[in-house]
Protein backbone atom coordinates (compact mmCIF):
# COMPACT_ATOMS: atom_id res chain seq x y z
CA MET A 1 0.02 -0.02 0.07
CA ARG A 2 1.25 3.47 -0.97
CA SER A 3 0.83 6.32 1.22
CA GLU A 4 1.36 9.97 0.47
CA LYS A 5 1.79 12.81 3.11
CA VAL A 6 1.39 16.51 2.05
CA THR A 7 2.07 19.30 4.73
CA TYR A 8 1.52 22.86 4.43
CA CYS A 9 3.26 25.02 6.90
CA VAL A 10 2.68 28.71 7.65
CA ALA A 11 4.45 30.92 10.12
CA GLN A 12 3.09 31.16 13.56
CA GLY A 13 -0.14 33.54 13.69
CA GLU A 14 -0.52 33.48 9.99
CA ASN A 15 -3.51 31.58 7.99
CA LEU A 16 -3.58 29.35 5.06
CA ASN A 17 -6.91 29.85 3.57
CA ILE A 18 -8.31 26.45 2.10
CA PHE A 19 -11.83 26.11 0.55
CA ALA A 20 -14.18 23.58 1.99
CA ALA A 21 -14.39 22.41 -1.79
CA SER A 22 -10.80 21.68 -1.73
CA LEU A 23 -10.62 19.57 1.14
CA GLU A 24 -14.00 17.52 -0.36
CA ALA A 25 -11.75 17.16 -3.53
CA LEU A 26 -8.96 15.62 -1.50
CA SER A 27 -11.40 13.39 0.69
CA LEU A 28 -13.37 12.08 -1.97
CA SER A 29 -10.34 11.13 -4.30
CA GLY A 30 -9.36 8.72 -1.10
CA LYS A 31 -7.22 10.94 1.03
CA ASN A 32 -7.24 11.09 4.76
CA ILE A 33 -6.78 14.61 6.26
CA ILE A 34 -5.61 16.08 9.65
CA ALA A 35 -6.42 19.70 10.01
CA LYS A 36 -5.75 22.11 12.67
CA TYR A 37 -8.30 24.94 13.42
CA GLY A 38 -7.26 27.15 16.20
CA ALA A 39 -6.27 24.77 18.91
CA THR A 40 -8.41 21.86 17.42
CA VAL A 41 -6.96 18.99 15.52
CA MET A 42 -9.49 17.40 13.15
CA TYR A 43 -9.44 14.20 11.49
CA ILE A 44 -11.31 14.18 8.28
CA SER A 45 -12.07 10.88 6.69
CA ALA A 46 -11.63 9.60 3.20
CA GLY A 47 -15.02 10.13 1.54
CA SER A 48 -16.28 13.20 3.60
CA THR A 49 -18.52 15.67 1.76
CA GLN A 50 -18.10 19.52 2.04
CA THR A 51 -21.29 19.54 4.13
CA GLU A 52 -19.72 17.17 6.65
CA ILE A 53 -16.50 18.95 6.67
CA LEU A 54 -18.07 22.38 7.17
CA ARG A 55 -20.05 20.68 10.01
CA LEU A 56 -16.61 19.64 11.55
CA PHE A 57 -15.28 23.03 11.55
CA ALA A 58 -18.30 24.74 12.92
CA HIS A 59 -18.29 22.29 15.76
CA ALA A 60 -14.54 23.16 16.25
CA GLU A 61 -15.17 26.66 16.18
CA TYR A 62 -18.40 26.58 18.67
CA ASN A 63 -16.70 24.11 21.25
CA GLY A 64 -13.16 25.27 20.71
CA ALA A 65 -12.85 26.43 24.10
CA ALA A 66 -13.90 23.19 25.77
CA MET A 67 -11.49 20.81 23.47
CA GLN A 68 -8.21 19.72 24.37
CA LEU A 69 -5.71 17.81 22.35
CA VAL A 70 -4.44 14.80 24.07
CA GLY A 71 -1.33 12.97 22.68
CA ASN A 72 0.88 13.38 19.93
CA LEU A 73 0.35 13.14 16.06
């Protein structure tokens, strides 16, 4: 099985704007995605739709203060 890792890095305090449609395209092509939004790390499984991805980000924004990252990636 072949895997591929793509990492996008930005300077501390900077943003990388990615459209949900772009994440959906990666997801629907079979890619699993790990995204960080604020202090929240999210796992987007392969096959996720744009609606599901937007729901994850909305949940992370609404509940961000209550979430904690436990462990290492």
